[in-house]
Amino acid sequence: MTVFAWQATAIDGAELTSADALTFERVNEHGGARSLRVWFDADSDPIHASCLPGESLHLFTRRAVVDVLSPSARQVDMPVLELRRDDGSFSRLYVHPEHGFVFSTLDLNI
């Protein structure tokens, strides 16, 4: 899965979209998002996320390997929605192309 589009309300209140900002780094420049909607294709319903004061939301991609034990193994980009807390802890929702949504408080190498 890839990210089709996103809308974010940044920590400082700025409203940004993938159509205007092009990259989520523009949201990170505002301290991350306090609310976020992400679409993974044009026909899907968005994933909604929001956070409390002292937290921020971030969106990025990680490399994943699919078919790891077969001759057709390949790397793919995997979207990750991350909730960061002021104490340095985090929770992540990995959007793996084979396993679907994987929620973890660990830095997974999947």
N, C-alpha and C. Protein backbone atom coordinates (compact mmCIF):
# COMPACT_ATOMS: atom_id res chain seq x y z
N MET A 1 0.83 -1.18 0.00
CA MET A 1 0.00 0.00 0.00
C MET A 1 0.88 1.24 0.00
N THR A 2 0.38 2.25 -0.64
CA THR A 2 1.06 3.53 -0.61
C THR A 2 0.07 4.59 -0.15
N VAL A 3 0.59 5.72 0.25
CA VAL A 3 -0.26 6.83 0.66
C VAL A 3 -0.74 7.54 -0.59
N PHE A 4 -2.05 7.63 -0.74
CA PHE A 4 -2.66 8.33 -1.87
C PHE A 4 -2.75 9.83 -1.57
N ALA A 5 -3.21 10.17 -0.35
CA ALA A 5 -3.37 11.57 0.05
C ALA A 5 -3.44 11.66 1.56
N TRP A 6 -3.20 12.86 2.09
CA TRP A 6 -3.33 13.11 3.52
C TRP A 6 -3.77 14.54 3.77
N GLN A 7 -4.39 14.76 4.92
CA GLN A 7 -4.75 16.07 5.44
C GLN A 7 -4.30 16.11 6.88
N ALA A 8 -3.70 17.22 7.30
CA ALA A 8 -3.21 17.32 8.67
C ALA A 8 -3.50 18.69 9.25
N THR A 9 -3.80 18.68 10.54
CA THR A 9 -3.80 19.91 11.32
C THR A 9 -2.54 19.84 12.17
N ALA A 10 -1.62 20.76 11.93
CA ALA A 10 -0.34 20.75 12.63
C ALA A 10 -0.52 21.16 14.09
N ILE A 11 0.48 20.87 14.88
CA ILE A 11 0.47 21.22 16.31
C ILE A 11 0.18 22.71 16.50
N ASP A 12 0.73 23.55 15.60
CA ASP A 12 0.52 25.00 15.73
C ASP A 12 -0.78 25.49 15.09
N GLY A 13 -1.62 24.56 14.60
CA GLY A 13 -2.92 24.91 14.04
C GLY A 13 -2.94 25.07 12.53
N ALA A 14 -1.80 25.03 11.87
CA ALA A 14 -1.76 25.15 10.41
C ALA A 14 -2.46 23.94 9.77
N GLU A 15 -3.21 24.21 8.71
CA GLU A 15 -3.89 23.15 7.94
C GLU A 15 -3.06 22.87 6.70
N LEU A 16 -2.65 21.62 6.52
CA LEU A 16 -1.85 21.24 5.37
C LEU A 16 -2.43 20.00 4.72
N THR A 17 -2.24 19.89 3.39
CA THR A 17 -2.68 18.71 2.65
C THR A 17 -1.55 18.24 1.75
N SER A 18 -1.64 17.01 1.31
CA SER A 18 -0.63 16.48 0.40
C SER A 18 -0.67 17.21 -0.94
N ALA A 19 -1.83 17.72 -1.33
CA ALA A 19 -1.93 18.45 -2.59
C ALA A 19 -1.17 19.78 -2.53
N ASP A 20 -1.20 20.43 -1.37
CA ASP A 20 -0.54 21.73 -1.23
C ASP A 20 0.91 21.61 -0.78
N ALA A 21 1.15 20.78 0.23
CA ALA A 21 2.48 20.70 0.83
C ALA A 21 3.39 19.70 0.13
N LEU A 22 2.80 18.75 -0.58
CA LEU A 22 3.50 17.70 -1.33
C LEU A 22 4.21 16.68 -0.47
N THR A 23 4.83 17.08 0.62
CA THR A 23 5.54 16.14 1.49
C THR A 23 5.16 16.39 2.94
N PHE A 24 5.14 15.32 3.74
CA PHE A 24 4.76 15.46 5.14
C PHE A 24 5.81 16.22 5.95
N GLU A 25 6.98 16.41 5.39
CA GLU A 25 8.02 17.20 6.07
C GLU A 25 7.52 18.60 6.39
N ARG A 26 6.63 19.14 5.56
CA ARG A 26 6.07 20.47 5.84
C ARG A 26 5.30 20.46 7.16
N VAL A 27 4.64 19.33 7.47
CA VAL A 27 3.92 19.20 8.74
C VAL A 27 4.94 19.09 9.88
N ASN A 28 5.99 18.32 9.67
CA ASN A 28 7.02 18.18 10.71
C ASN A 28 7.66 19.53 11.05
N GLU A 29 7.75 20.43 10.07
CA GLU A 29 8.30 21.77 10.33
C GLU A 29 7.41 22.56 11.28
N HIS A 30 6.15 22.15 11.42
CA HIS A 30 5.22 22.78 12.34
C HIS A 30 5.12 22.00 13.66
N GLY A 31 6.01 21.05 13.88
CA GLY A 31 6.02 20.26 15.11
C GLY A 31 5.27 18.95 15.02
N GLY A 32 4.86 18.56 13.83
CA GLY A 32 4.05 17.35 13.66
C GLY A 32 2.59 17.73 13.60
N ALA A 33 1.73 16.72 13.57
CA ALA A 33 0.28 16.95 13.46
C ALA A 33 -0.40 16.64 14.78
N ARG A 34 -1.50 17.35 15.02
CA ARG A 34 -2.35 16.99 16.17
C ARG A 34 -3.54 16.17 15.70
N SER A 35 -3.86 16.27 14.40
CA SER A 35 -4.85 15.37 13.80
C SER A 35 -4.43 15.09 12.36
N LEU A 36 -4.80 13.89 11.89
CA LEU A 36 -4.31 13.43 10.59
C LEU A 36 -5.34 12.50 9.97
N ARG A 37 -5.55 12.67 8.67
CA ARG A 37 -6.36 11.75 7.88
C ARG A 37 -5.50 11.29 6.72
N VAL A 38 -5.49 9.97 6.49
CA VAL A 38 -4.66 9.39 5.43
C VAL A 38 -5.52 8.47 4.57
N TRP A 39 -5.42 8.63 3.25
CA TRP A 39 -6.07 7.75 2.30
C TRP A 39 -5.00 6.90 1.64
N PHE A 40 -5.26 5.61 1.50
CA PHE A 40 -4.30 4.70 0.87
C PHE A 40 -4.63 4.42 -0.59
N ASP A 41 -5.83 4.78 -1.03
CA ASP A 41 -6.16 4.79 -2.45
C ASP A 41 -7.37 5.71 -2.63
N ALA A 42 -7.67 6.00 -3.88
CA ALA A 42 -8.72 6.99 -4.16
C ALA A 42 -10.10 6.56 -3.68
N ASP A 43 -10.35 5.26 -3.59
CA ASP A 43 -11.68 4.77 -3.23
C ASP A 43 -11.83 4.39 -1.77
N SER A 44 -10.75 4.46 -1.00
CA SER A 44 -10.81 4.01 0.40
C SER A 44 -11.29 5.11 1.32
N ASP A 45 -11.83 4.69 2.46
CA ASP A 45 -12.11 5.63 3.54
C ASP A 45 -10.79 5.97 4.20
N PRO A 46 -10.65 7.19 4.72
CA PRO A 46 -9.38 7.55 5.35
C PRO A 46 -9.21 6.93 6.73
N ILE A 47 -7.98 6.79 7.12
CA ILE A 47 -7.62 6.45 8.50
C ILE A 47 -7.55 7.78 9.25
N HIS A 48 -8.21 7.87 10.39
CA HIS A 48 -8.20 9.09 11.20
C HIS A 48 -7.33 8.86 12.42
N ALA A 49 -6.52 9.85 12.77
CA ALA A 49 -5.73 9.79 14.00
C ALA A 49 -5.69 11.18 14.61
N SER A 50 -5.69 11.22 15.92
CA SER A 50 -5.53 12.49 16.64
C SER A 50 -4.79 12.21 17.93
N CYS A 51 -4.26 13.25 18.52
CA CYS A 51 -3.46 13.06 19.73
C CYS A 51 -3.78 14.12 20.78
N LEU A 52 -3.24 13.90 21.96
CA LEU A 52 -3.43 14.78 23.10
C LEU A 52 -2.29 15.79 23.19
N PRO A 53 -2.44 16.84 23.98
CA PRO A 53 -1.30 17.74 24.22
C PRO A 53 -0.11 16.95 24.76
N GLY A 54 1.08 17.29 24.30
CA GLY A 54 2.28 16.55 24.68
C GLY A 54 2.58 15.40 23.74
N GLU A 55 1.78 15.25 22.68
CA GLU A 55 1.98 14.21 21.68
C GLU A 55 1.94 14.85 20.30
N SER A 56 2.49 14.15 19.31
CA SER A 56 2.41 14.60 17.92
C SER A 56 2.34 13.39 17.00
N LEU A 57 1.74 13.60 15.84
CA LEU A 57 1.60 12.55 14.84
C LEU A 57 2.56 12.80 13.68
N HIS A 58 3.10 11.72 13.15
CA HIS A 58 4.05 11.81 12.04
C HIS A 58 3.74 10.69 11.05
N LEU A 59 4.02 10.95 9.79
CA LEU A 59 3.78 10.01 8.71
C LEU A 59 5.06 9.87 7.91
N PHE A 60 5.51 8.63 7.71
CA PHE A 60 6.72 8.39 6.93
C PHE A 60 6.66 7.00 6.34
N THR A 61 7.65 6.64 5.55
CA THR A 61 7.70 5.29 4.98
C THR A 61 8.94 4.57 5.48
N ARG A 62 8.80 3.26 5.59
CA ARG A 62 9.91 2.37 5.95
C ARG A 62 10.02 1.33 4.86
N ARG A 63 11.18 0.74 4.73
CA ARG A 63 11.35 -0.37 3.80
C ARG A 63 10.85 -1.64 4.45
N ALA A 64 10.12 -2.43 3.69
CA ALA A 64 9.67 -3.75 4.12
C ALA A 64 10.11 -4.74 3.05
N VAL A 65 10.30 -5.98 3.45
CA VAL A 65 10.64 -7.03 2.51
C VAL A 65 9.46 -7.98 2.46
N VAL A 66 8.95 -8.22 1.26
CA VAL A 66 7.85 -9.18 1.08
C VAL A 66 8.40 -10.41 0.39
N ASP A 67 7.76 -11.54 0.67
CA ASP A 67 8.19 -12.85 0.14
C ASP A 67 9.65 -13.12 0.52
N VAL A 68 9.98 -12.85 1.77
CA VAL A 68 11.38 -12.85 2.21
C VAL A 68 12.10 -14.18 1.99
N LEU A 69 11.42 -15.28 2.06
CA LEU A 69 12.08 -16.58 1.93
C LEU A 69 11.89 -17.21 0.55
N SER A 70 11.53 -16.41 -0.42
CA SER A 70 11.31 -16.94 -1.76
C SER A 70 12.21 -16.23 -2.77
N PRO A 71 12.35 -16.80 -3.95
CA PRO A 71 13.14 -16.15 -4.99
C PRO A 71 12.53 -14.82 -5.46
N SER A 72 11.26 -14.61 -5.17
CA SER A 72 10.62 -13.36 -5.59
C SER A 72 10.65 -12.29 -4.49
N ALA A 73 11.53 -12.43 -3.50
CA ALA A 73 11.65 -11.44 -2.42
C ALA A 73 11.96 -10.07 -3.02
N ARG A 74 11.33 -9.04 -2.43
CA ARG A 74 11.56 -7.69 -2.92
C ARG A 74 11.29 -6.68 -1.81
N GLN A 75 11.88 -5.50 -1.96
CA GLN A 75 11.66 -4.42 -1.00
C GLN A 75 10.51 -3.55 -1.49
N VAL A 76 9.71 -3.10 -0.54
CA VAL A 76 8.61 -2.19 -0.85
C VAL A 76 8.59 -1.08 0.20
N ASP A 77 8.01 0.04 -0.15
CA ASP A 77 7.82 1.12 0.82
C ASP A 77 6.55 0.85 1.61
N MET A 78 6.66 1.00 2.93
CA MET A 78 5.54 0.72 3.83
C MET A 78 5.22 1.99 4.61
N PRO A 79 3.99 2.53 4.48
CA PRO A 79 3.62 3.71 5.27
C PRO A 79 3.60 3.39 6.76
N VAL A 80 4.00 4.37 7.55
CA VAL A 80 3.98 4.25 9.01
C VAL A 80 3.37 5.53 9.59
N LEU A 81 2.34 5.38 10.42
CA LEU A 81 1.79 6.49 11.18
C LEU A 81 2.32 6.36 12.59
N GLU A 82 2.96 7.41 13.08
CA GLU A 82 3.62 7.34 14.39
C GLU A 82 3.06 8.40 15.32
N LEU A 83 2.76 7.97 16.55
CA LEU A 83 2.38 8.87 17.63
C LEU A 83 3.58 9.02 18.55
N ARG A 84 4.12 10.24 18.63
CA ARG A 84 5.28 10.50 19.50
C ARG A 84 4.83 11.24 20.74
N ARG A 85 5.40 10.84 21.86
CA ARG A 85 5.12 11.50 23.14
C ARG A 85 6.32 12.31 23.58
N ASP A 86 6.07 13.32 24.41
CA ASP A 86 7.15 14.19 24.89
C ASP A 86 8.22 13.42 25.65
N ASP A 87 7.87 12.27 26.25
CA ASP A 87 8.85 11.50 27.02
C ASP A 87 9.75 10.64 26.13
N GLY A 88 9.56 10.73 24.78
CA GLY A 88 10.38 9.98 23.85
C GLY A 88 9.78 8.64 23.42
N SER A 89 8.72 8.21 24.06
CA SER A 89 8.10 6.95 23.66
C SER A 89 7.23 7.18 22.41
N PHE A 90 6.89 6.10 21.74
CA PHE A 90 6.09 6.20 20.53
C PHE A 90 5.24 4.95 20.35
N SER A 91 4.23 5.07 19.52
CA SER A 91 3.41 3.96 19.06
C SER A 91 3.31 4.11 17.55
N ARG A 92 3.33 2.98 16.85
CA ARG A 92 3.31 3.03 15.39
C ARG A 92 2.24 2.12 14.81
N LEU A 93 1.64 2.59 13.73
CA LEU A 93 0.75 1.78 12.92
C LEU A 93 1.44 1.58 11.58
N TYR A 94 1.96 0.36 11.39
CA TYR A 94 2.63 0.00 10.15
C TYR A 94 1.56 -0.48 9.17
N VAL A 95 1.67 -0.08 7.90
CA VAL A 95 0.73 -0.52 6.88
C VAL A 95 1.50 -1.45 5.95
N HIS A 96 1.56 -2.72 6.36
CA HIS A 96 2.37 -3.71 5.65
C HIS A 96 1.58 -4.24 4.45
N PRO A 97 2.24 -4.39 3.29
CA PRO A 97 1.51 -4.83 2.10
C PRO A 97 0.96 -6.25 2.17
N GLU A 98 1.54 -7.12 3.02
CA GLU A 98 1.03 -8.50 3.15
C GLU A 98 0.26 -8.73 4.44
N HIS A 99 0.69 -8.12 5.52
CA HIS A 99 0.09 -8.37 6.83
C HIS A 99 -0.98 -7.36 7.20
N GLY A 100 -1.15 -6.32 6.40
CA GLY A 100 -2.13 -5.28 6.69
C GLY A 100 -1.64 -4.34 7.78
N PHE A 101 -2.54 -3.91 8.64
CA PHE A 101 -2.20 -2.95 9.69
C PHE A 101 -1.57 -3.68 10.87
N VAL A 102 -0.40 -3.21 11.29
CA VAL A 102 0.32 -3.79 12.42
C VAL A 102 0.60 -2.65 13.40
N PHE A 103 0.00 -2.73 14.60
CA PHE A 103 0.22 -1.71 15.64
C PHE A 103 1.29 -2.19 16.59
N SER A 104 2.25 -1.31 16.92
CA SER A 104 3.32 -1.72 17.82
C SER A 104 3.89 -0.51 18.56
N THR A 105 4.39 -0.78 19.75
CA THR A 105 5.15 0.22 20.50
C THR A 105 6.65 -0.06 20.35
N LEU A 106 6.99 -0.95 19.43
CA LEU A 106 8.39 -1.30 19.15
C LEU A 106 8.77 -0.80 17.76
N ASP A 107 10.06 -0.61 17.55
CA ASP A 107 10.58 -0.26 16.22
C ASP A 107 10.76 -1.56 15.46
N LEU A 108 9.75 -1.97 14.71
CA LEU A 108 9.76 -3.26 14.03
C LEU A 108 10.56 -3.19 12.73
N ASN A 109 11.20 -4.27 12.42
CA ASN A 109 11.89 -4.43 11.15
C ASN A 109 11.14 -5.52 10.38
N ILE A 110 9.99 -5.14 9.82
CA ILE A 110 9.14 -6.13 9.15
C ILE A 110 9.11 -5.91 7.66
